[in-house]
């Protein structure tokens, strides 16, 4: 079981080559439970199975019962489009069983991860002392950061101000850590410094504020400059959730929208979204990592060896986790191979496509643009359609492999939404999808 098997290796490598070479990547379909159960029946045996048979079941049955987020026709939720270099190096990380727990065990991997964290922190304008670690996703990052905010303040009955547009993981985090949410009404779906200042009047024990640099639904960036100013006035922990939109820091055309992010005490961006890394990869960066270390360092006799007076950097000290993959390495490899200019170009491509699609929608007599896109999400409606019409249309698109475009909600109404991240998505694909809405 632990010895090298050349036949097994060749089988798997051949499959990986075929998957990597797919161009374009097909959308595929959701699976049917009865068919999947039948395909898997009898596989868990005492003596095992021929690997060729098992791989064939995966290839023909299981992998095709997944909607591929890396397809250039996947335009729902937040897509993923990992670079080929990142995918390949993810295999390197896995086949070497690389972990990223501590400097003692993984200093080489951590040094490379920290190089990428430094790049992201620089794009945000954070100080040279900033640092953090990679975690599994935005939810884990938001939880880890806001625990630091809570424990650093050390106040009873603490509250953290959040917009009514904040990501669902923020409210979930506050419930988990026992902190009350002070919900601040947004202005045109944006948290502003003025609204925050008004909401804080007469409030006690407010210890922090969460702003968003790119809401998931519409790609709206909060008034980061104004919120940062109020946070400094009130000595609040300033957390910026940029899980989706934070990648826009790499795009000169929208960089001005992020003014104020340089004052963040903690900042999150998910490279597995718009920085083209494989799942699961989220960068969590603190302005003063020493505060996070004081909160998250775990004490146990068997961990004492990890904590010395030297210059070690243990990712386990900066989030709630202990064991972790070196999940930042695929991004590091891809950035080093492709260069940051290629990343800027790829992010800009999504922004350009959003603007082109918005103009296409404006010129279509059967469609209506809901708002001009700030980033790469585009909200629009089809005149005269009901909620049922949108969902039936979405199902037809997927069934025909034309696109994966799910409806969303906007101010109580069902509408359509595009999310552009994949550099291989073209305006011709958008035109093809939009044309199906005439029926």
Protein backbone atom coordinates (compact mmCIF):
# COMPACT_ATOMS: atom_id res chain seq x y z
CA UNK A 1 0.00 0.00 0.00
CA UNK A 2 2.93 2.36 0.68
CA UNK A 3 5.29 1.05 -1.97
CA UNK A 4 5.70 2.65 -5.37
CA UNK A 5 3.40 1.13 -8.02
CA UNK A 6 4.38 2.14 -11.53
CA UNK A 7 1.18 0.91 -13.13
CA UNK A 8 -0.97 2.82 -10.65
CA UNK A 9 1.19 5.91 -11.07
CA UNK A 10 0.92 5.80 -14.85
CA UNK A 11 -2.86 5.36 -14.67
CA UNK A 12 -3.27 8.40 -12.47
CA UNK A 13 -0.74 10.56 -14.32
CA UNK A 14 -2.37 9.73 -17.67
CA UNK A 15 -5.74 10.80 -16.27
CA UNK A 16 -4.28 14.03 -14.88
CA UNK A 17 -2.70 14.87 -18.23
CA UNK A 18 -6.03 14.36 -19.97
CA UNK A 19 -7.87 16.52 -17.44
CA UNK A 20 -5.28 19.29 -17.62
CA UNK A 21 -5.43 19.27 -21.42
CA UNK A 22 -9.20 19.78 -21.63
CA UNK A 23 -9.84 22.97 -23.57
CA UNK A 24 -12.45 24.09 -22.91
CA UNK A 25 -13.37 22.33 -19.69
CA UNK A 26 -16.93 20.96 -19.97
CA UNK A 27 -19.55 22.05 -17.48
CA UNK A 28 -20.98 18.55 -16.93
CA UNK A 29 -24.11 18.00 -14.83
CA UNK A 30 -25.38 17.43 -11.31
CA UNK A 31 -25.52 13.73 -10.48
CA UNK A 32 -28.47 11.49 -9.70
CA UNK A 33 -28.23 9.70 -6.38
CA UNK A 34 -29.52 6.33 -7.61
CA UNK A 35 -27.02 6.21 -10.46
CA UNK A 36 -24.13 7.27 -8.24
CA UNK A 37 -25.06 4.74 -5.58
CA UNK A 38 -25.17 2.02 -8.23
CA UNK A 39 -21.75 3.04 -9.59
CA UNK A 40 -20.21 2.92 -6.10
CA UNK A 41 -21.92 -0.27 -4.97
CA UNK A 42 -19.55 -2.98 -3.77
CA UNK A 43 -16.33 -0.95 -3.97
CA UNK A 44 -15.51 -1.07 -0.27
CA UNK A 45 -14.24 -4.67 -0.05
CA UNK A 46 -11.77 -6.48 2.15
CA UNK A 47 -9.35 -7.17 -0.71
CA UNK A 48 -9.70 -4.00 -2.77
CA UNK A 49 -10.19 -3.55 -6.51
CA UNK A 50 -8.22 -3.17 -9.71
CA UNK A 51 -7.16 0.51 -9.74
CA UNK A 52 -8.00 0.79 -13.43
CA UNK A 53 -11.61 -0.13 -12.63
CA UNK A 54 -11.84 2.32 -9.76
CA UNK A 55 -10.34 5.15 -11.80
CA UNK A 56 -12.71 4.38 -14.65
CA UNK A 57 -15.68 4.68 -12.27
CA UNK A 58 -14.37 8.03 -11.14
CA UNK A 59 -13.75 9.23 -14.68
CA UNK A 60 -16.98 8.02 -16.26
CA UNK A 61 -19.40 8.38 -13.37
CA UNK A 62 -18.22 10.55 -10.50
CA UNK A 63 -16.21 13.31 -12.17
CA UNK A 64 -19.00 13.93 -14.65
CA UNK A 65 -21.53 14.38 -11.87
CA UNK A 66 -19.81 17.61 -10.85
CA UNK A 67 -20.35 21.07 -12.34
CA UNK A 68 -16.83 22.18 -13.12
CA UNK A 69 -16.06 25.55 -11.52
CA UNK A 70 -13.05 25.92 -13.82
CA UNK A 71 -15.17 25.88 -16.97
CA UNK A 72 -15.21 29.17 -18.86
CA UNK A 73 -19.01 28.80 -18.95
CA UNK A 74 -19.32 28.58 -15.15
CA UNK A 75 -20.68 32.07 -14.41
CA UNK A 76 -22.52 31.47 -11.12
CA UNK A 77 -21.61 31.99 -7.48
CA UNK A 78 -17.87 32.75 -7.60
CA UNK A 79 -16.15 30.60 -10.25
CA UNK A 80 -12.59 29.29 -10.06
CA UNK A 81 -9.97 29.27 -12.76
CA UNK A 82 -6.69 27.91 -11.38
CA UNK A 83 -3.68 28.27 -13.65
CA UNK A 84 -2.12 25.13 -15.05
CA UNK A 85 1.06 25.87 -13.09
CA UNK A 86 -0.91 26.12 -9.85
CA UNK A 87 -2.76 22.87 -10.53
CA UNK A 88 0.45 21.04 -11.33
CA UNK A 89 2.17 22.29 -8.21
CA UNK A 90 -0.83 21.33 -6.10
CA UNK A 91 -0.01 17.78 -7.20
CA UNK A 92 3.60 18.31 -6.11
CA UNK A 93 2.42 19.44 -2.67
CA UNK A 94 0.13 16.42 -2.37
CA UNK A 95 2.55 13.78 -3.61
CA UNK A 96 5.23 14.97 -1.18
CA UNK A 97 2.74 15.07 1.72
CA UNK A 98 3.90 18.61 2.40
CA UNK A 99 2.36 20.27 5.41
CA UNK A 100 2.73 23.79 6.67
CA UNK A 101 2.39 23.60 10.41
CA UNK A 102 5.58 25.04 11.82
CA UNK A 103 8.92 26.56 10.92
CA UNK A 104 10.64 23.53 12.46
CA UNK A 105 8.89 21.10 10.13
CA UNK A 106 8.26 23.17 7.01
CA UNK A 107 10.45 26.27 6.91
CA UNK A 108 11.00 26.05 3.16
CA UNK A 109 7.29 25.85 2.40
CA UNK A 110 6.45 28.60 4.88
CA UNK A 111 9.13 30.94 3.53
CA UNK A 112 7.58 30.60 0.07
CA UNK A 113 4.05 31.13 1.39
CA UNK A 114 5.20 34.22 3.28
CA UNK A 115 6.67 35.64 0.09
CA UNK A 116 3.18 35.56 -1.44
CA UNK A 117 1.56 37.00 1.69
CA UNK A 118 4.08 39.85 1.50
CA UNK A 119 3.13 40.50 -2.12
CA UNK A 120 -0.57 40.69 -1.23
CA UNK A 121 0.11 42.89 1.80
CA UNK A 122 2.15 45.23 -0.39
CA UNK A 123 -0.69 45.48 -2.91
CA UNK A 124 -2.96 46.49 -0.02
CA UNK A 125 -0.43 49.06 1.21
CA UNK A 126 -0.05 47.40 4.59
CA UNK A 127 3.18 47.91 6.58
CA UNK A 128 6.29 45.76 6.24
CA UNK A 129 5.52 44.15 9.59
CA UNK A 130 2.24 42.70 8.31
CA UNK A 131 1.92 38.94 7.99
CA UNK A 132 -0.30 35.96 8.56
CA UNK A 133 -1.00 32.60 7.00
CA UNK A 134 -3.05 30.69 4.49
CA UNK A 135 -6.26 29.03 5.65
CA UNK A 136 -8.95 27.02 3.90
CA UNK A 137 -11.30 29.83 2.90
CA UNK A 138 -12.87 33.17 3.71
CA UNK A 139 -15.04 31.74 6.48
CA UNK A 140 -12.00 30.33 8.32
CA UNK A 141 -10.11 33.58 7.79
CA UNK A 142 -12.94 35.79 9.03
CA UNK A 143 -13.39 33.60 12.10
CA UNK A 144 -9.69 33.64 12.94
CA UNK A 145 -9.35 37.41 12.49
CA UNK A 146 -12.41 38.35 14.51
CA UNK A 147 -11.37 36.09 17.38
CA UNK A 148 -8.22 38.22 17.55
CA UNK A 149 -10.34 41.38 17.52
CA UNK A 150 -12.47 40.06 20.38
CA UNK A 151 -9.62 38.85 22.56
CA UNK A 152 -7.43 41.90 21.94
CA UNK A 153 -10.23 44.21 23.10
CA UNK A 154 -11.07 42.05 26.12
CA UNK A 155 -14.40 43.76 26.81
CA UNK A 156 -17.51 41.99 28.12
CA UNK A 157 -20.66 42.04 25.99
CA UNK A 158 -18.59 43.05 22.99
CA UNK A 159 -20.14 44.19 19.71
CA UNK A 160 -18.73 44.39 16.21
CA UNK A 161 -20.29 46.69 13.62
CA UNK A 162 -21.23 45.03 10.34
CA UNK A 163 -23.10 46.11 7.24
CA UNK A 164 -26.46 44.62 6.37
CA UNK A 165 -24.67 43.47 3.20
CA UNK A 166 -21.86 41.57 4.96
CA UNK A 167 -21.13 38.00 3.88
CA UNK A 168 -23.03 35.26 5.70
CA UNK A 169 -19.79 33.97 7.21
CA UNK A 170 -19.50 37.19 9.25
CA UNK A 171 -22.78 36.71 11.08
CA UNK A 172 -21.94 33.04 11.53
CA UNK A 173 -18.54 33.96 13.00
CA UNK A 174 -20.03 36.44 15.45
CA UNK A 175 -22.52 33.85 16.63
CA UNK A 176 -19.73 31.30 17.14
CA UNK A 177 -17.47 33.65 19.10
CA UNK A 178 -20.26 35.14 21.19
CA UNK A 179 -20.03 38.71 19.91
CA UNK A 180 -23.12 40.74 19.13
CA UNK A 181 -23.53 42.22 15.67
CA UNK A 182 -24.27 45.93 15.49
CA UNK A 183 -25.92 46.01 12.08
CA UNK A 184 -25.31 49.23 10.19
CA UNK A 185 -27.80 50.05 7.40
CA UNK A 186 -26.05 50.33 4.06
CA UNK A 187 -26.41 53.20 1.63
CA UNK A 188 -27.08 51.86 -1.84
CA UNK A 189 -25.77 48.49 -0.62
CA UNK A 190 -22.50 50.04 0.61
CA UNK A 191 -21.24 50.54 4.16
CA UNK A 192 -20.13 54.16 4.57
CA UNK A 193 -18.14 55.95 7.21
CA UNK A 194 -21.01 58.35 7.81
CA UNK A 195 -23.51 55.53 8.40
CA UNK A 196 -21.07 53.82 10.74
CA UNK A 197 -20.51 57.02 12.72
CA UNK A 198 -24.27 57.48 13.14
CA UNK A 199 -24.77 53.85 14.19
CA UNK A 200 -22.09 54.14 16.88
CA UNK A 201 -23.77 57.07 18.64
CA UNK A 202 -24.74 56.00 22.15
CA UNK A 203 -23.31 52.50 21.68
CA UNK A 204 -21.01 50.89 24.24
CA UNK A 205 -18.52 48.03 23.98
CA UNK A 206 -18.20 48.20 20.20
CA UNK A 207 -14.74 46.79 19.55
CA UNK A 208 -14.52 46.50 15.79
CA UNK A 209 -16.01 46.95 12.35
CA UNK A 210 -16.10 44.69 9.29
CA UNK A 211 -16.04 46.20 5.82
CA UNK A 212 -16.24 44.37 2.50
CA UNK A 213 -14.04 44.92 -0.53
CA UNK A 214 -16.30 43.31 -3.09
CA UNK A 215 -19.65 41.85 -2.02
CA UNK A 216 -20.27 38.38 -3.39
CA UNK A 217 -23.59 39.19 -5.01
CA UNK A 218 -22.83 42.48 -6.74
CA UNK A 219 -19.11 43.16 -6.29
CA UNK A 220 -19.68 46.36 -4.30
CA UNK A 221 -16.74 47.81 -2.37
CA UNK A 222 -17.54 49.57 0.88
CA UNK A 223 -16.37 53.08 1.73
CA UNK A 224 -13.09 51.73 3.09
CA UNK A 225 -11.54 55.17 3.56
CA UNK A 226 -14.49 56.49 5.53
CA UNK A 227 -14.85 53.36 7.63
CA UNK A 228 -11.13 53.35 8.38
CA UNK A 229 -11.34 56.95 9.57
CA UNK A 230 -14.14 56.14 12.02
CA UNK A 231 -12.31 53.02 13.17
CA UNK A 232 -9.26 55.12 14.03
CA UNK A 233 -11.39 57.72 15.82
CA UNK A 234 -13.08 55.07 17.98
CA UNK A 235 -10.08 52.74 18.32
CA UNK A 236 -11.96 49.90 16.61
CA UNK A 237 -10.45 46.81 15.06
CA UNK A 238 -10.83 47.32 11.29
CA UNK A 239 -11.34 44.05 9.40
CA UNK A 240 -11.73 43.92 5.62
CA UNK A 241 -13.36 40.90 4.02
CA UNK A 242 -12.03 40.80 0.47
CA UNK A 243 -12.51 37.07 -0.08
CA UNK A 244 -13.80 37.63 -3.62
CA UNK A 245 -13.06 41.23 -4.50
CA UNK A 246 -9.71 41.70 -2.80
CA UNK A 247 -7.98 40.38 -5.91
CA UNK A 248 -8.93 43.65 -7.57
CA UNK A 249 -5.91 45.12 -5.79
CA UNK A 250 -3.92 43.62 -8.67
CA UNK A 251 -5.88 45.65 -11.25
CA UNK A 252 -4.80 49.27 -11.81
CA UNK A 253 -8.17 50.16 -13.36
CA UNK A 254 -9.99 49.71 -10.02
CA UNK A 255 -7.19 50.12 -7.45
CA UNK A 256 -8.54 53.55 -6.39
CA UNK A 257 -11.72 51.93 -5.11
CA UNK A 258 -9.72 50.26 -2.33
CA UNK A 259 -8.39 53.46 -0.79
CA UNK A 260 -8.39 52.99 2.99
CA UNK A 261 -7.62 49.28 2.98
CA UNK A 262 -4.06 50.11 4.01
CA UNK A 263 -5.42 50.90 7.49
CA UNK A 264 -6.91 47.43 8.02
CA UNK A 265 -5.97 45.52 11.15
CA UNK A 266 -6.82 42.30 9.32
CA UNK A 267 -7.55 41.54 5.70
CA UNK A 268 -8.76 38.46 3.81
CA UNK A 269 -8.53 37.51 0.14
CA UNK A 270 -9.22 34.07 -1.33
CA UNK A 271 -6.72 33.26 -4.10
CA UNK A 272 -8.84 30.22 -4.99
CA UNK A 273 -11.32 32.73 -6.35
CA UNK A 274 -9.83 35.53 -8.44
CA UNK A 275 -6.11 34.90 -8.04
CA UNK A 276 -6.32 31.59 -9.89
CA UNK A 277 -5.21 29.13 -7.20
CA UNK A 278 -6.73 25.69 -6.57
CA UNK A 279 -9.20 25.11 -3.76
CA UNK A 280 -8.73 25.62 -0.78
CA UNK A 281 -6.61 28.74 -0.38
CA UNK A 282 -7.36 31.94 1.55
CA UNK A 283 -4.79 34.53 2.60
CA UNK A 284 -5.26 36.01 6.08
CA UNK A 285 -3.06 39.01 6.82
CA UNK A 286 -2.72 40.98 10.06
CA UNK A 287 -1.35 44.47 10.43
CA UNK A 288 0.33 43.40 13.69
CA UNK A 289 0.76 39.61 13.63
CA UNK A 290 1.99 39.62 17.23
CA UNK A 291 -1.60 40.20 18.37
CA UNK A 292 -2.79 37.16 16.44
CA UNK A 293 0.04 35.06 17.79
CA UNK A 294 -0.87 35.99 21.36
CA UNK A 295 -4.44 34.81 20.73
CA UNK A 296 -3.99 31.74 18.54
CA UNK A 297 -0.80 30.05 19.80
CA UNK A 298 -1.73 26.66 21.23
CA UNK A 299 0.05 25.46 24.35
CA UNK A 300 0.81 21.79 24.90
CA UNK A 301 3.87 19.89 26.04
CA UNK A 302 4.39 18.32 22.63
CA UNK A 303 4.22 21.77 20.98
CA UNK A 304 6.84 23.45 23.17
CA UNK A 305 9.57 22.52 20.71
CA UNK A 306 7.89 24.70 18.06
CA UNK A 307 8.14 27.86 20.13
CA UNK A 308 11.67 29.07 20.69
CA UNK A 309 13.33 32.46 21.01
CA UNK A 310 14.41 32.27 17.39
CA UNK A 311 12.82 33.80 14.32
CA UNK A 312 10.43 30.98 13.56
CA UNK A 313 7.13 31.69 11.83
CA UNK A 314 4.48 29.10 12.65
CA UNK A 315 1.27 29.41 10.61
CA UNK A 316 -0.53 27.57 13.40
CA UNK A 317 -0.03 30.68 15.54
CA UNK A 318 -2.10 32.95 13.29
CA UNK A 319 -5.43 31.13 12.92
CA UNK A 320 -7.57 28.64 14.83
CA UNK A 321 -6.04 25.64 13.05
CA UNK A 322 -3.17 23.35 13.96
CA UNK A 323 -2.63 20.82 11.16
CA UNK A 324 -2.73 22.44 7.73
CA UNK A 325 -1.61 21.85 4.15
CA UNK A 326 0.99 24.15 2.66
CA UNK A 327 -1.90 25.46 0.61
CA UNK A 328 -0.14 28.66 -0.45
CA UNK A 329 2.55 26.86 -2.43
CA UNK A 330 0.59 26.33 -5.67
CA UNK A 331 -0.09 30.08 -5.79
CA UNK A 332 3.56 30.83 -5.04
CA UNK A 333 4.72 28.56 -7.87
CA UNK A 334 2.27 30.01 -10.36
CA UNK A 335 3.17 33.60 -9.48
CA UNK A 336 6.87 32.83 -9.74
CA UNK A 337 6.41 31.07 -13.09
CA UNK A 338 3.91 33.42 -14.73
CA UNK A 339 4.81 36.75 -13.14
CA UNK A 340 2.58 39.34 -11.52
CA UNK A 341 1.89 41.11 -14.84
CA UNK A 342 0.08 38.01 -16.08
CA UNK A 343 -2.11 38.09 -12.96
CA UNK A 344 -2.89 41.76 -13.48
CA UNK A 345 -3.85 41.05 -17.08
CA UNK A 346 -6.09 38.13 -16.08
CA UNK A 347 -7.92 40.12 -13.38
CA UNK A 348 -8.35 43.06 -15.74
CA UNK A 349 -9.84 40.70 -18.32
CA UNK A 350 -12.68 39.83 -15.96
CA UNK A 351 -13.30 43.52 -15.26
CA UNK A 352 -13.34 44.34 -18.97
CA UNK A 353 -15.74 41.51 -19.72
CA UNK A 354 -18.08 42.74 -16.99
CA UNK A 355 -18.14 46.22 -18.53
CA UNK A 356 -18.64 44.82 -22.04
CA UNK A 357 -21.47 42.59 -20.81
CA UNK A 358 -23.13 45.50 -19.05
CA UNK A 359 -23.10 47.45 -22.31
CA UNK A 360 -24.51 44.45 -24.18
CA UNK A 361 -27.34 44.24 -21.66
CA UNK A 362 -28.04 47.98 -21.97
CA UNK A 363 -28.43 47.58 -25.73
CA UNK A 364 -30.77 44.57 -25.46
CA UNK A 365 -34.42 45.58 -25.52
CA UNK A 366 -35.51 42.53 -23.52
CA UNK A 367 -32.98 43.04 -20.70
CA UNK A 368 -32.32 45.69 -18.05
CA UNK A 369 -29.03 46.34 -16.27
CA UNK A 370 -29.61 46.69 -12.52
CA UNK A 371 -26.41 48.62 -11.74
CA UNK A 372 -23.09 49.35 -13.33
CA UNK A 373 -20.56 46.72 -12.30
CA UNK A 374 -17.78 47.83 -9.93
CA UNK A 375 -15.86 44.58 -10.25
CA UNK A 376 -16.70 41.44 -12.24
CA UNK A 377 -20.26 40.69 -11.09
CA UNK A 378 -23.13 41.84 -13.30
CA UNK A 379 -26.75 41.94 -12.13
CA UNK A 380 -29.55 42.25 -14.67
CA UNK A 381 -33.18 41.34 -15.23
CA UNK A 382 -35.19 39.98 -18.10
CA UNK A 383 -38.24 42.17 -18.50
CA UNK A 384 -41.48 40.35 -17.79
CA UNK A 385 -39.97 37.24 -16.21
CA UNK A 386 -41.07 35.67 -12.95
CA UNK A 387 -38.88 33.75 -10.52
CA UNK A 388 -40.03 30.52 -12.17
CA UNK A 389 -38.89 31.79 -15.57
CA UNK A 390 -35.37 32.49 -14.31
CA UNK A 391 -34.97 29.07 -12.73
CA UNK A 392 -36.37 27.24 -15.76
CA UNK A 393 -34.03 29.20 -18.02
CA UNK A 394 -31.04 28.38 -15.80
CA UNK A 395 -31.87 24.67 -15.96
CA UNK A 396 -32.13 24.79 -19.76
CA UNK A 397 -28.76 26.51 -20.04
CA UNK A 398 -27.03 23.84 -17.99
CA UNK A 399 -28.83 20.97 -19.70
CA UNK A 400 -27.62 22.28 -23.05
CA UNK A 401 -24.12 22.95 -21.67
CA UNK A 402 -24.46 26.56 -22.80
CA UNK A 403 -23.66 27.95 -19.39
CA UNK A 404 -24.09 27.66 -15.65
CA UNK A 405 -25.91 30.84 -14.64
CA UNK A 406 -28.05 30.61 -11.52
CA UNK A 407 -30.54 33.29 -10.49
CA UNK A 408 -29.98 35.42 -7.42
CA UNK A 409 -31.98 37.80 -5.27
CA UNK A 410 -31.86 41.58 -5.37
CA UNK A 411 -34.06 43.71 -3.13
CA UNK A 412 -36.64 40.95 -2.89
CA UNK A 413 -36.69 40.21 -6.62
CA UNK A 414 -35.29 37.24 -8.53
CA UNK A 415 -32.79 38.42 -11.12
CA UNK A 416 -29.94 37.07 -13.25
CA UNK A 417 -26.26 37.40 -12.41
CA UNK A 418 -22.97 36.86 -14.20
CA UNK A 419 -19.71 36.40 -12.28
CA UNK A 420 -16.66 36.76 -14.50
CA UNK A 421 -13.34 35.40 -13.30
CA UNK A 422 -12.15 32.93 -15.92
CA UNK A 423 -9.88 34.66 -18.46
CA UNK A 424 -11.16 32.24 -21.09
CA UNK A 425 -14.74 33.50 -20.89
CA UNK A 426 -15.49 35.63 -23.94
CA UNK A 427 -18.09 38.19 -24.91
CA UNK A 428 -19.24 35.70 -27.56
CA UNK A 429 -20.18 33.26 -24.80
CA UNK A 430 -22.10 36.04 -23.06
CA UNK A 431 -23.89 36.91 -26.31
CA UNK A 432 -24.85 33.26 -26.75
CA UNK A 433 -26.30 33.11 -23.24
CA UNK A 434 -28.11 36.44 -23.49
CA UNK A 435 -29.69 35.37 -26.79
CA UNK A 436 -31.42 32.46 -25.03
CA UNK A 437 -33.34 34.94 -22.89
CA UNK A 438 -35.41 36.14 -25.84
CA UNK A 439 -37.56 32.99 -25.74
